[in-house]
């Protein structure tokens, strides 16, 4: 299984939805909570080519996108394949 990193903040709906989707799919992830470490936001922004919205989801350090991209992959049965390849 590939490594999933999830940049998020507390009490943000899309962040919560992404965590719930990964949990429901039994996919473990490493959450990077930026609520208590705002200096990580500039790092995340740099890694995401300037995009500032959250969550930011990475698969083996490659930027997947946010919740919308994660949800679309799950709906079209591509998420499991991506994680196993």
PDB file of N, CA and C in Angstrom:
ATOM      1  N   UNK A   1       0.849  -1.180   0.000  1.00  0.00           N
ATOM      2  CA  UNK A   1       0.000   0.000   0.000  1.00  0.00           C
ATOM      3  C   UNK A   1       0.891   1.238   0.000  1.00  0.00           C
ATOM      4  N   UNK A   2       0.495   2.215  -0.780  1.00  0.00           N
ATOM      5  CA  UNK A   2       1.260   3.452  -0.875  1.00  0.00           C
ATOM      6  C   UNK A   2       0.979   4.362   0.315  1.00  0.00           C
ATOM      7  N   UNK A   3       1.882   5.277   0.548  1.00  0.00           N
ATOM      8  CA  UNK A   3       1.758   6.219   1.668  1.00  0.00           C
ATOM      9  C   UNK A   3       0.839   7.374   1.285  1.00  0.00           C
ATOM     10  N   UNK A   4      -0.107   7.680   2.161  1.00  0.00           N
ATOM     11  CA  UNK A   4      -1.032   8.797   1.974  1.00  0.00           C
ATOM     12  C   UNK A   4      -0.713   9.864   3.017  1.00  0.00           C
ATOM     13  N   UNK A   5      -0.454  11.081   2.559  1.00  0.00           N
ATOM     14  CA  UNK A   5      -0.288  12.237   3.455  1.00  0.00           C
ATOM     15  C   UNK A   5      -1.465  13.162   3.226  1.00  0.00           C
ATOM     16  N   UNK A   6      -2.043  13.641   4.310  1.00  0.00           N
ATOM     17  CA  UNK A   6      -3.216  14.499   4.244  1.00  0.00           C
ATOM     18  C   UNK A   6      -2.945  15.770   5.050  1.00  0.00           C
ATOM     19  N   UNK A   7      -2.735  16.874   4.364  1.00  0.00           N
ATOM     20  CA  UNK A   7      -2.596  18.172   5.030  1.00  0.00           C
ATOM     21  C   UNK A   7      -3.997  18.680   5.336  1.00  0.00           C
ATOM     22  N   UNK A   8      -4.253  19.032   6.579  1.00  0.00           N
ATOM     23  CA  UNK A   8      -5.603  19.451   6.957  1.00  0.00           C
ATOM     24  C   UNK A   8      -5.558  20.459   8.097  1.00  0.00           C
ATOM     25  N   UNK A   9      -6.733  20.993   8.400  1.00  0.00           N
ATOM     26  CA  UNK A   9      -6.931  21.793   9.603  1.00  0.00           C
ATOM     27  C   UNK A   9      -8.174  21.268  10.299  1.00  0.00           C
ATOM     28  N   UNK A  10      -8.276  21.546  11.585  1.00  0.00           N
ATOM     29  CA  UNK A  10      -9.429  21.089  12.356  1.00  0.00           C
ATOM     30  C   UNK A  10     -10.659  21.901  11.978  1.00  0.00           C
ATOM     31  N   UNK A  11     -11.790  21.272  12.127  1.00  0.00           N
ATOM     32  CA  UNK A  11     -13.107  21.881  11.901  1.00  0.00           C
ATOM     33  C   UNK A  11     -13.269  22.468  10.503  1.00  0.00           C
ATOM     34  N   UNK A  12     -12.724  21.797   9.519  1.00  0.00           N
ATOM     35  CA  UNK A  12     -12.921  22.198   8.129  1.00  0.00           C
ATOM     36  C   UNK A  12     -13.633  21.045   7.453  1.00  0.00           C
ATOM     37  N   UNK A  13     -14.796  21.315   6.878  1.00  0.00           N
ATOM     38  CA  UNK A  13     -15.669  20.268   6.339  1.00  0.00           C
ATOM     39  C   UNK A  13     -15.019  19.338   5.334  1.00  0.00           C
ATOM     40  N   UNK A  14     -14.303  19.883   4.355  1.00  0.00           N
ATOM     41  CA  UNK A  14     -13.692  19.028   3.343  1.00  0.00           C
ATOM     42  C   UNK A  14     -12.562  18.183   3.920  1.00  0.00           C
ATOM     43  N   UNK A  15     -11.851  18.717   4.897  1.00  0.00           N
ATOM     44  CA  UNK A  15     -10.803  17.936   5.569  1.00  0.00           C
ATOM     45  C   UNK A  15     -11.433  16.761   6.313  1.00  0.00           C
ATOM     46  N   UNK A  16     -12.504  17.044   7.042  1.00  0.00           N
ATOM     47  CA  UNK A  16     -13.209  15.985   7.766  1.00  0.00           C
ATOM     48  C   UNK A  16     -13.761  14.937   6.810  1.00  0.00           C
ATOM     49  N   UNK A  17     -14.307  15.380   5.680  1.00  0.00           N
ATOM     50  CA  UNK A  17     -14.862  14.448   4.692  1.00  0.00           C
ATOM     51  C   UNK A  17     -13.775  13.556   4.101  1.00  0.00           C
ATOM     52  N   UNK A  18     -12.618  14.123   3.810  1.00  0.00           N
ATOM     53  CA  UNK A  18     -11.512  13.330   3.261  1.00  0.00           C
ATOM     54  C   UNK A  18     -11.045  12.288   4.269  1.00  0.00           C
ATOM     55  N   UNK A  19     -10.907  12.680   5.530  1.00  0.00           N
ATOM     56  CA  UNK A  19     -10.486  11.737   6.564  1.00  0.00           C
ATOM     57  C   UNK A  19     -11.510  10.618   6.723  1.00  0.00           C
ATOM     58  N   UNK A  20     -12.787  10.977   6.689  1.00  0.00           N
ATOM     59  CA  UNK A  20     -13.850   9.986   6.826  1.00  0.00           C
ATOM     60  C   UNK A  20     -13.847   9.013   5.637  1.00  0.00           C
ATOM     61  N   UNK A  21     -13.686   9.537   4.419  1.00  0.00           N
ATOM     62  CA  UNK A  21     -13.658   8.681   3.236  1.00  0.00           C
ATOM     63  C   UNK A  21     -12.492   7.693   3.317  1.00  0.00           C
ATOM     64  N   UNK A  22     -11.310   8.178   3.675  1.00  0.00           N
ATOM     65  CA  UNK A  22     -10.157   7.286   3.800  1.00  0.00           C
ATOM     66  C   UNK A  22     -10.384   6.247   4.891  1.00  0.00           C
ATOM     67  N   UNK A  23     -10.954   6.664   6.000  1.00  0.00           N
ATOM     68  CA  UNK A  23     -11.241   5.731   7.096  1.00  0.00           C
ATOM     69  C   UNK A  23     -12.265   4.685   6.651  1.00  0.00           C
ATOM     70  N   UNK A  24     -13.329   5.114   5.979  1.00  0.00           N
ATOM     71  CA  UNK A  24     -14.374   4.186   5.519  1.00  0.00           C
ATOM     72  C   UNK A  24     -13.842   3.180   4.500  1.00  0.00           C
ATOM     73  N   UNK A  25     -12.845   3.588   3.728  1.00  0.00           N
ATOM     74  CA  UNK A  25     -12.225   2.701   2.740  1.00  0.00           C
ATOM     75  C   UNK A  25     -11.102   1.868   3.367  1.00  0.00           C
ATOM     76  N   UNK A  26     -10.920   2.009   4.688  1.00  0.00           N
ATOM     77  CA  UNK A  26      -9.877   1.300   5.434  1.00  0.00           C
ATOM     78  C   UNK A  26      -8.483   1.614   4.896  1.00  0.00           C
ATOM     79  N   UNK A  27      -8.283   2.896   4.577  1.00  0.00           N
ATOM     80  CA  UNK A  27      -6.997   3.376   4.074  1.00  0.00           C
ATOM     81  C   UNK A  27      -6.367   4.221   5.167  1.00  0.00           C
ATOM     82  N   UNK A  28      -5.219   3.784   5.634  1.00  0.00           N
ATOM     83  CA  UNK A  28      -4.544   4.565   6.672  1.00  0.00           C
ATOM     84  C   UNK A  28      -3.824   5.738   6.024  1.00  0.00           C
ATOM     85  N   UNK A  29      -3.723   6.816   6.765  1.00  0.00           N
ATOM     86  CA  UNK A  29      -3.060   8.007   6.246  1.00  0.00           C
ATOM     87  C   UNK A  29      -2.279   8.672   7.370  1.00  0.00           C
ATOM     88  N   UNK A  30      -1.377   9.510   6.969  1.00  0.00           N
ATOM     89  CA  UNK A  30      -0.614  10.315   7.912  1.00  0.00           C
ATOM     90  C   UNK A  30      -1.152  11.729   7.813  1.00  0.00           C
ATOM     91  N   UNK A  31      -1.827  12.170   8.853  1.00  0.00           N
ATOM     92  CA  UNK A  31      -2.423  13.501   8.841  1.00  0.00           C
ATOM     93  C   UNK A  31      -1.418  14.532   9.336  1.00  0.00           C
ATOM     94  N   UNK A  32      -1.295  15.592   8.572  1.00  0.00           N
ATOM     95  CA  UNK A  32      -0.456  16.717   8.957  1.00  0.00           C
ATOM     96  C   UNK A  32      -1.417  17.850   9.301  1.00  0.00           C
ATOM     97  N   UNK A  33      -1.683  18.014  10.591  1.00  0.00           N
ATOM     98  CA  UNK A  33      -2.649  19.009  11.061  1.00  0.00           C
ATOM     99  C   UNK A  33      -1.957  20.363  11.132  1.00  0.00           C
ATOM    100  N   UNK A  34      -2.371  21.259  10.289  1.00  0.00           N
ATOM    101  CA  UNK A  34      -1.743  22.568  10.216  1.00  0.00           C
ATOM    102  C   UNK A  34      -2.404  23.580  11.147  1.00  0.00           C
ATOM    103  N   UNK A  35      -3.397  23.159  11.913  1.00  0.00           N
ATOM    104  CA  UNK A  35      -4.066  24.062  12.849  1.00  0.00           C
ATOM    105  C   UNK A  35      -3.104  24.609  13.887  1.00  0.00           C
ATOM    106  N   UNK A  36      -2.218  23.761  14.357  1.00  0.00           N
ATOM    107  CA  UNK A  36      -1.292  24.183  15.407  1.00  0.00           C
ATOM    108  C   UNK A  36       0.100  24.507  14.863  1.00  0.00           C
ATOM    109  N   UNK A  37       0.274  24.438  13.551  1.00  0.00           N
ATOM    110  CA  UNK A  37       1.582  24.726  12.949  1.00  0.00           C
ATOM    111  C   UNK A  37       1.391  25.490  11.633  1.00  0.00           C
ATOM    112  N   UNK A  38       0.998  26.765  11.722  1.00  0.00           N
ATOM    113  CA  UNK A  38       0.718  27.524  10.501  1.00  0.00           C
ATOM    114  C   UNK A  38       1.911  27.678   9.568  1.00  0.00           C
ATOM    115  N   UNK A  39       3.129  27.482  10.070  1.00  0.00           N
ATOM    116  CA  UNK A  39       4.293  27.593   9.185  1.00  0.00           C
ATOM    117  C   UNK A  39       4.316  26.477   8.154  1.00  0.00           C
ATOM    118  N   UNK A  40       3.595  25.398   8.424  1.00  0.00           N
ATOM    119  CA  UNK A  40       3.499  24.319   7.438  1.00  0.00           C
ATOM    120  C   UNK A  40       2.691  24.736   6.212  1.00  0.00           C
ATOM    121  N   UNK A  41       1.843  25.752   6.358  1.00  0.00           N
ATOM    122  CA  UNK A  41       1.002  26.190   5.239  1.00  0.00           C
ATOM    123  C   UNK A  41       1.849  26.658   4.059  1.00  0.00           C
ATOM    124  N   UNK A  42       2.936  27.364   4.318  1.00  0.00           N
ATOM    125  CA  UNK A  42       3.792  27.813   3.211  1.00  0.00           C
ATOM    126  C   UNK A  42       4.479  26.626   2.556  1.00  0.00           C
ATOM    127  N   UNK A  43       4.868  25.617   3.345  1.00  0.00           N
ATOM    128  CA  UNK A  43       5.457  24.401   2.784  1.00  0.00           C
ATOM    129  C   UNK A  43       4.447  23.678   1.897  1.00  0.00           C
ATOM    130  N   UNK A  44       3.221  23.524   2.391  1.00  0.00           N
ATOM    131  CA  UNK A  44       2.176  22.858   1.638  1.00  0.00           C
ATOM    132  C   UNK A  44       1.868  23.620   0.357  1.00  0.00           C
ATOM    133  N   UNK A  45       1.801  24.932   0.449  1.00  0.00           N
ATOM    134  CA  UNK A  45       1.503  25.764  -0.718  1.00  0.00           C
ATOM    135  C   UNK A  45       2.585  25.608  -1.783  1.00  0.00           C
ATOM    136  N   UNK A  46       3.825  25.563  -1.353  1.00  0.00           N
ATOM    137  CA  UNK A  46       4.944  25.387  -2.284  1.00  0.00           C
ATOM    138  C   UNK A  46       4.857  24.016  -2.958  1.00  0.00           C
ATOM    139  N   UNK A  47       4.586  22.980  -2.187  1.00  0.00           N
ATOM    140  CA  UNK A  47       4.502  21.626  -2.737  1.00  0.00           C
ATOM    141  C   UNK A  47       3.310  21.449  -3.663  1.00  0.00           C
ATOM    142  N   UNK A  48       2.260  22.245  -3.456  1.00  0.00           N
ATOM    143  CA  UNK A  48       1.042  22.133  -4.267  1.00  0.00           C
ATOM    144  C   UNK A  48       0.995  23.179  -5.371  1.00  0.00           C
ATOM    145  N   UNK A  49       2.154  23.669  -5.771  1.00  0.00           N
ATOM    146  CA  UNK A  49       2.244  24.648  -6.865  1.00  0.00           C
ATOM    147  C   UNK A  49       1.366  25.879  -6.644  1.00  0.00           C
ATOM    148  N   UNK A  50       1.362  26.377  -5.416  1.00  0.00           N
ATOM    149  CA  UNK A  50       0.659  27.613  -5.097  1.00  0.00           C
ATOM    150  C   UNK A  50      -0.783  27.451  -4.648  1.00  0.00           C
ATOM    151  N   UNK A  51      -1.339  26.261  -4.750  1.00  0.00           N
ATOM    152  CA  UNK A  51      -2.732  26.049  -4.320  1.00  0.00           C
ATOM    153  C   UNK A  51      -2.807  26.135  -2.796  1.00  0.00           C
ATOM    154  N   UNK A  52      -3.822  26.850  -2.296  1.00  0.00           N
ATOM    155  CA  UNK A  52      -3.909  27.084  -0.850  1.00  0.00           C
ATOM    156  C   UNK A  52      -5.056  26.348  -0.173  1.00  0.00           C
ATOM    157  N   UNK A  53      -5.983  25.789  -0.918  1.00  0.00           N
ATOM    158  CA  UNK A  53      -7.146  25.157  -0.306  1.00  0.00           C
ATOM    159  C   UNK A  53      -6.755  23.854   0.383  1.00  0.00           C
ATOM    160  N   UNK A  54      -7.563  23.470   1.353  1.00  0.00           N
ATOM    161  CA  UNK A  54      -7.335  22.236   2.097  1.00  0.00           C
ATOM    162  C   UNK A  54      -8.568  21.353   2.006  1.00  0.00           C
ATOM    163  N   UNK A  55      -8.399  20.064   2.100  1.00  0.00           N
ATOM    164  CA  UNK A  55      -7.171  19.343   2.363  1.00  0.00           C
ATOM    165  C   UNK A  55      -6.312  19.231   1.101  1.00  0.00           C
ATOM    166  N   UNK A  56      -5.075  18.905   1.316  1.00  0.00           N
ATOM    167  CA  UNK A  56      -4.144  18.550   0.249  1.00  0.00           C
ATOM    168  C   UNK A  56      -3.768  17.096   0.498  1.00  0.00           C
ATOM    169  N   UNK A  57      -3.924  16.284  -0.519  1.00  0.00           N
ATOM    170  CA  UNK A  57      -3.688  14.856  -0.368  1.00  0.00           C
ATOM    171  C   UNK A  57      -2.568  14.446  -1.311  1.00  0.00           C
ATOM    172  N   UNK A  58      -1.605  13.714  -0.754  1.00  0.00           N
ATOM    173  CA  UNK A  58      -0.448  13.235  -1.505  1.00  0.00           C
ATOM    174  C   UNK A  58      -0.401  11.718  -1.424  1.00  0.00           C
ATOM    175  N   UNK A  59      -0.077  11.081  -2.538  1.00  0.00           N
ATOM    176  CA  UNK A  59       0.136   9.639  -2.593  1.00  0.00           C
ATOM    177  C   UNK A  59       1.598   9.432  -2.960  1.00  0.00           C
ATOM    178  N   UNK A  60       2.341   8.850  -2.029  1.00  0.00           N
ATOM    179  CA  UNK A  60       3.796   8.686  -2.221  1.00  0.00           C
ATOM    180  C   UNK A  60       4.449   9.986  -2.665  1.00  0.00           C
ATOM    181  N   UNK A  61       4.114  11.058  -2.002  1.00  0.00           N
ATOM    182  CA  UNK A  61       4.674  12.399  -2.214  1.00  0.00           C
ATOM    183  C   UNK A  61       4.230  13.061  -3.520  1.00  0.00           C
ATOM    184  N   UNK A  62       3.358  12.411  -4.309  1.00  0.00           N
ATOM    185  CA  UNK A  62       2.816  13.028  -5.523  1.00  0.00           C
ATOM    186  C   UNK A  62       1.456  13.638  -5.187  1.00  0.00           C
ATOM    187  N   UNK A  63       1.245  14.874  -5.569  1.00  0.00           N
ATOM    188  CA  UNK A  63       0.015  15.582  -5.239  1.00  0.00           C
ATOM    189  C   UNK A  63      -1.177  14.978  -5.982  1.00  0.00           C
ATOM    190  N   UNK A  64      -2.144  14.457  -5.218  1.00  0.00           N
ATOM    191  CA  UNK A  64      -3.371  13.900  -5.786  1.00  0.00           C
ATOM    192  C   UNK A  64      -4.403  14.992  -5.991  1.00  0.00           C
ATOM    193  N   UNK A  65      -4.507  15.904  -5.026  1.00  0.00           N
ATOM    194  CA  UNK A  65      -5.491  16.976  -5.083  1.00  0.00           C
ATOM    195  C   UNK A  65      -6.130  17.153  -3.729  1.00  0.00           C
ATOM    196  N   UNK A  66      -7.388  17.555  -3.751  1.00  0.00           N
ATOM    197  CA  UNK A  66      -8.137  17.758  -2.518  1.00  0.00           C
ATOM    198  C   UNK A  66      -9.242  16.726  -2.384  1.00  0.00           C
ATOM    199  N   UNK A  67     -10.263  17.087  -1.606  1.00  0.00           N
ATOM    200  CA  UNK A  67     -11.350  16.147  -1.381  1.00  0.00           C
ATOM    201  C   UNK A  67     -12.084  15.811  -2.669  1.00  0.00           C
ATOM    202  N   UNK A  68     -12.323  16.787  -3.541  1.00  0.00           N
ATOM    203  CA  UNK A  68     -13.071  16.531  -4.783  1.00  0.00           C
ATOM    204  C   UNK A  68     -12.379  15.466  -5.634  1.00  0.00           C
ATOM    205  N   UNK A  69     -11.070  15.550  -5.760  1.00  0.00           N
ATOM    206  CA  UNK A  69     -10.329  14.567  -6.542  1.00  0.00           C
ATOM    207  C   UNK A  69     -10.340  13.193  -5.874  1.00  0.00           C
ATOM    208  N   UNK A  70     -10.187  13.185  -4.548  1.00  0.00           N
ATOM    209  CA  UNK A  70     -10.229  11.932  -3.795  1.00  0.00           C
ATOM    210  C   UNK A  70     -11.595  11.269  -3.957  1.00  0.00           C
ATOM    211  N   UNK A  71     -12.653  12.049  -3.808  1.00  0.00           N
ATOM    212  CA  UNK A  71     -14.012  11.531  -3.915  1.00  0.00           C
ATOM    213  C   UNK A  71     -14.280  10.985  -5.320  1.00  0.00           C
ATOM    214  N   UNK A  72     -13.860  11.722  -6.346  1.00  0.00           N
ATOM    215  CA  UNK A  72     -14.067  11.272  -7.728  1.00  0.00           C
ATOM    216  C   UNK A  72     -13.354   9.947  -7.977  1.00  0.00           C
ATOM    217  N   UNK A  73     -12.138   9.819  -7.487  1.00  0.00           N
ATOM    218  CA  UNK A  73     -11.398   8.562  -7.664  1.00  0.00           C
ATOM    219  C   UNK A  73     -12.119   7.411  -6.968  1.00  0.00           C
ATOM    220  N   UNK A  74     -12.661   7.670  -5.792  1.00  0.00           N
ATOM    221  CA  UNK A  74     -13.378   6.636  -5.061  1.00  0.00           C
ATOM    222  C   UNK A  74     -14.663   6.264  -5.800  1.00  0.00           C
ATOM    223  N   UNK A  75     -15.383   7.235  -6.316  1.00  0.00           N
ATOM    224  CA  UNK A  75     -16.647   6.982  -7.016  1.00  0.00           C
ATOM    225  C   UNK A  75     -16.442   6.193  -8.306  1.00  0.00           C
ATOM    226  N   UNK A  76     -15.339   6.429  -8.985  1.00  0.00           N
ATOM    227  CA  UNK A  76     -15.062   5.734 -10.248  1.00  0.00           C
ATOM    228  C   UNK A  76     -14.166   4.512 -10.059  1.00  0.00           C
ATOM    229  N   UNK A  77     -14.068   4.051  -8.785  1.00  0.00           N
ATOM    230  CA  UNK A  77     -13.322   2.828  -8.440  1.00  0.00           C
ATOM    231  C   UNK A  77     -11.858   2.890  -8.879  1.00  0.00           C
ATOM    232  N   UNK A  78     -11.267   4.076  -8.828  1.00  0.00           N
ATOM    233  CA  UNK A  78      -9.866   4.229  -9.210  1.00  0.00           C
ATOM    234  C   UNK A  78      -8.947   4.385  -8.012  1.00  0.00           C
ATOM    235  N   UNK A  79      -9.511   4.657  -6.846  1.00  0.00           N
ATOM    236  CA  UNK A  79      -8.704   4.918  -5.674  1.00  0.00           C
ATOM    237  C   UNK A  79      -7.940   3.672  -5.240  1.00  0.00           C
ATOM    238  N   UNK A  80      -8.620   2.551  -5.134  1.00  0.00           N
ATOM    239  CA  UNK A  80      -7.970   1.313  -4.704  1.00  0.00           C
ATOM    240  C   UNK A  80      -6.876   0.920  -5.687  1.00  0.00           C
ATOM    241  N   UNK A  81      -7.143   1.055  -6.976  1.00  0.00           N
ATOM    242  CA  UNK A  81      -6.130   0.722  -7.987  1.00  0.00           C
ATOM    243  C   UNK A  81      -4.907   1.624  -7.854  1.00  0.00           C
ATOM    244  N   UNK A  82      -5.130   2.925  -7.662  1.00  0.00           N
ATOM    245  CA  UNK A  82      -4.025   3.863  -7.500  1.00  0.00           C
ATOM    246  C   UNK A  82      -3.145   3.476  -6.316  1.00  0.00           C
ATOM    247  N   UNK A  83      -3.774   3.096  -5.226  1.00  0.00           N
ATOM    248  CA  UNK A  83      -3.020   2.794  -4.012  1.00  0.00           C
ATOM    249  C   UNK A  83      -2.270   1.462  -4.092  1.00  0.00           C
ATOM    250  N   UNK A  84      -2.722   0.562  -4.947  1.00  0.00           N
ATOM    251  CA  UNK A  84      -2.061  -0.739  -5.062  1.00  0.00           C
ATOM    252  C   UNK A  84      -0.984  -0.747  -6.135  1.00  0.00           C
ATOM    253  N   UNK A  85      -1.083   0.124  -7.119  1.00  0.00           N
ATOM    254  CA  UNK A  85      -0.087   0.144  -8.215  1.00  0.00           C
ATOM    255  C   UNK A  85       1.278   0.524  -7.709  1.00  0.00           C
TER     256      UNK A  85
END
